[in-house]
Amino acid sequence: MRLGQETADEIRSARKKAGLTQAKMSEIIGIPLRTIEDWESGKGEPRDYVKRLVINYLKNYKGGKLE
C-alpha cells in the first residue's frame, strides 16, 4: 500500500458517496483539483485536521447543500 493509501481511499469513498466528481469537490470546498487528485492517488496526504474536516463536510453534503 502506498504512503497515504488509506487516507486516499477514505477521501475517495466520501467524495463518491456525496455524488461529487473531483472537479466539483474542488470547486465546492476550494481546494485545488491537483491537490485532490494527489490525495486520492496516494501521492500526497492532507494534514490530519484537514482530512477530518473534508471527510466530515462530504459526509454531510447532500445535493448541493449541507444538511
Protein backbone atom coordinates (compact mmCIF):
# COMPACT_ATOMS: atom_id res chain seq x y z
CA MET A 1 0.00 0.00 0.00
CA ARG A 2 1.34 3.44 -0.94
CA LEU A 3 2.03 6.06 1.67
CA GLY A 4 -1.32 7.66 2.39
CA GLN A 5 -3.34 4.99 0.56
CA GLU A 6 -5.74 4.55 3.49
CA THR A 7 -6.41 8.29 3.52
CA ALA A 8 -6.75 8.23 -0.28
CA ASP A 9 -9.40 5.54 -0.03
CA GLU A 10 -11.29 7.40 2.73
CA ILE A 11 -11.39 10.67 0.79
CA ARG A 12 -12.35 8.99 -2.49
CA SER A 13 -15.11 7.00 -0.80
CA ALA A 14 -16.56 10.06 0.97
CA ARG A 15 -16.46 12.07 -2.28
CA LYS A 16 -18.22 9.34 -4.25
CA LYS A 17 -20.88 8.86 -1.56
CA ALA A 18 -21.54 12.61 -1.77
CA GLY A 19 -22.04 12.16 -5.53
CA LEU A 20 -19.24 14.54 -6.49
CA THR A 21 -16.55 14.47 -9.14
CA GLN A 22 -13.06 15.56 -8.15
CA ALA A 23 -13.60 18.80 -10.09
CA LYS A 24 -16.90 19.57 -8.35
CA MET A 25 -15.40 18.77 -4.94
CA SER A 26 -12.53 21.14 -5.74
CA GLU A 27 -14.96 23.90 -6.68
CA ILE A 28 -17.17 23.43 -3.61
CA ILE A 29 -14.53 23.22 -0.92
CA GLY A 30 -11.93 25.48 -2.52
CA ILE A 31 -9.06 23.01 -2.70
CA PRO A 32 -7.13 22.84 -5.99
CA LEU A 33 -8.11 19.93 -8.23
CA ARG A 34 -4.47 18.79 -8.45
CA THR A 35 -4.34 18.52 -4.65
CA ILE A 36 -7.45 16.33 -4.59
CA GLU A 37 -6.01 14.17 -7.37
CA ASP A 38 -2.80 13.75 -5.35
CA TRP A 39 -4.70 12.85 -2.18
CA GLU A 40 -6.81 10.25 -3.97
CA SER A 41 -3.84 8.71 -5.75
CA GLY A 42 -1.83 8.46 -2.52
CA LYS A 43 0.85 10.85 -3.85
CA GLY A 44 0.04 13.40 -1.19
CA GLU A 45 -1.78 13.44 2.09
CA PRO A 46 -3.60 16.26 3.84
CA ARG A 47 -2.82 17.19 7.40
CA ASP A 48 -4.96 15.18 9.79
CA TYR A 49 -7.23 18.10 10.74
CA VAL A 50 -7.81 18.91 7.05
CA LYS A 51 -8.63 15.27 6.32
CA ARG A 52 -11.20 15.21 9.13
CA LEU A 53 -12.78 18.50 8.01
CA VAL A 54 -13.01 17.40 4.37
CA ILE A 55 -14.44 13.96 5.17
CA ASN A 56 -16.96 15.38 7.65
CA TYR A 57 -18.03 18.01 5.13
CA LEU A 58 -18.51 15.38 2.43
CA LYS A 59 -20.48 13.11 4.75
CA ASN A 60 -22.92 15.97 5.37
CA TYR A 61 -23.10 17.20 1.76
CA LYS A 62 -26.39 16.37 0.11
CA GLY A 63 -27.24 17.53 -3.40
CA GLY A 64 -25.68 20.94 -3.41
CA LYS A 65 -26.07 21.81 0.26
CA LEU A 66 -25.09 20.78 3.74
CA GLU A 67 -27.65 19.02 5.88
